[in-house]
């Protein structure tokens, strides 16, 4: 699924990596079996849709949140992977 940022900026799905893992915290019997935690990874340097100026602005504004020039967002609010997506 592509990620629409604005009307003119859309990040294609092939530039977004998905990772799934087990959530931490309480979860009953499924906590050790179900990979409900969802993480998306967007590599700024490898992006084809962002120009150099946009990449530099994002690096400057997100410098405390980037890991190896990648933006990583994780969600584990629900016990269900689909809801976390």
Protein backbone atom coordinates (compact mmCIF):
# COMPACT_ATOMS: atom_id res chain seq x y z
CA UNK A 1 0.00 0.00 0.00
CA UNK A 2 1.40 3.39 -1.01
CA UNK A 3 1.62 6.08 1.68
CA UNK A 4 0.02 9.37 0.65
CA UNK A 5 1.77 12.29 2.37
CA UNK A 6 0.28 15.16 0.32
CA UNK A 7 -1.55 15.43 -2.99
CA UNK A 8 1.78 15.59 -4.79
CA UNK A 9 3.94 13.35 -2.57
CA UNK A 10 3.24 9.65 -2.35
CA UNK A 11 5.76 7.14 -0.99
CA UNK A 12 5.46 3.92 -2.98
CA UNK A 13 5.05 0.67 -1.10
CA UNK A 14 8.37 -0.66 -2.40
CA UNK A 15 10.19 2.03 -0.37
CA UNK A 16 8.55 0.95 2.89
CA UNK A 17 9.76 -2.16 4.71
CA UNK A 18 7.49 -3.96 7.15
CA UNK A 19 8.61 -5.94 10.21
CA UNK A 20 6.46 -7.93 12.56
CA UNK A 21 7.35 -9.12 16.03
CA UNK A 22 5.81 -10.12 19.32
CA UNK A 23 4.39 -7.31 21.41
CA UNK A 24 5.61 -6.68 24.91
CA UNK A 25 3.30 -6.44 27.88
CA UNK A 26 0.22 -8.42 28.85
CA UNK A 27 -1.57 -10.40 26.18
CA UNK A 28 -2.95 -13.56 27.69
CA UNK A 29 -2.26 -16.89 26.02
CA UNK A 30 -1.37 -15.36 22.64
CA UNK A 31 1.45 -13.13 23.89
CA UNK A 32 4.20 -15.63 23.04
CA UNK A 33 2.71 -16.83 19.75
CA UNK A 34 1.35 -13.90 17.76
CA UNK A 35 3.50 -11.29 16.07
CA UNK A 36 1.14 -8.37 16.56
CA UNK A 37 3.73 -5.57 16.83
CA UNK A 38 4.12 -3.78 13.50
CA UNK A 39 7.11 -1.67 12.49
CA UNK A 40 7.57 0.24 9.25
CA UNK A 41 10.98 1.39 8.07
CA UNK A 42 11.56 4.15 5.53
CA UNK A 43 15.14 4.71 4.35
CA UNK A 44 15.58 8.38 3.48
CA UNK A 45 18.84 7.90 1.57
CA UNK A 46 17.46 5.19 -0.74
CA UNK A 47 14.21 7.01 -1.49
CA UNK A 48 13.56 7.74 -5.17
CA UNK A 49 10.58 10.06 -4.55
CA UNK A 50 12.36 12.54 -2.27
CA UNK A 51 14.78 15.06 -3.70
CA UNK A 52 18.05 15.98 -1.97
CA UNK A 53 16.55 19.10 -0.40
CA UNK A 54 13.64 17.14 1.11
CA UNK A 55 16.02 14.50 2.43
CA UNK A 56 18.20 17.13 4.14
CA UNK A 57 15.18 18.85 5.72
CA UNK A 58 13.89 15.53 7.05
CA UNK A 59 17.31 14.54 8.37
CA UNK A 60 17.65 17.86 10.17
CA UNK A 61 14.12 17.83 11.63
CA UNK A 62 14.13 14.13 12.57
CA UNK A 63 17.78 13.73 13.60
CA UNK A 64 16.84 12.38 17.05
CA UNK A 65 14.40 9.86 15.59
CA UNK A 66 16.47 8.44 12.71
CA UNK A 67 18.44 5.20 12.93
CA UNK A 68 21.02 4.85 10.12
CA UNK A 69 19.12 7.46 8.07
CA UNK A 70 15.92 5.42 8.40
CA UNK A 71 12.69 6.46 10.01
CA UNK A 72 11.19 3.64 12.07
CA UNK A 73 7.66 3.66 13.44
CA UNK A 74 6.32 0.86 15.62
CA UNK A 75 2.78 0.18 16.80
CA UNK A 76 1.76 -2.42 19.36
CA UNK A 77 -1.38 -0.82 20.74
CA UNK A 78 -3.67 -3.71 19.79
CA UNK A 79 -3.27 -7.45 20.21
CA UNK A 80 -4.10 -7.83 16.53
CA UNK A 81 -1.55 -7.30 13.74
CA UNK A 82 -4.15 -6.08 11.27
CA UNK A 83 -5.39 -3.39 13.66
CA UNK A 84 -1.81 -2.26 14.34
CA UNK A 85 -1.16 -1.96 10.61
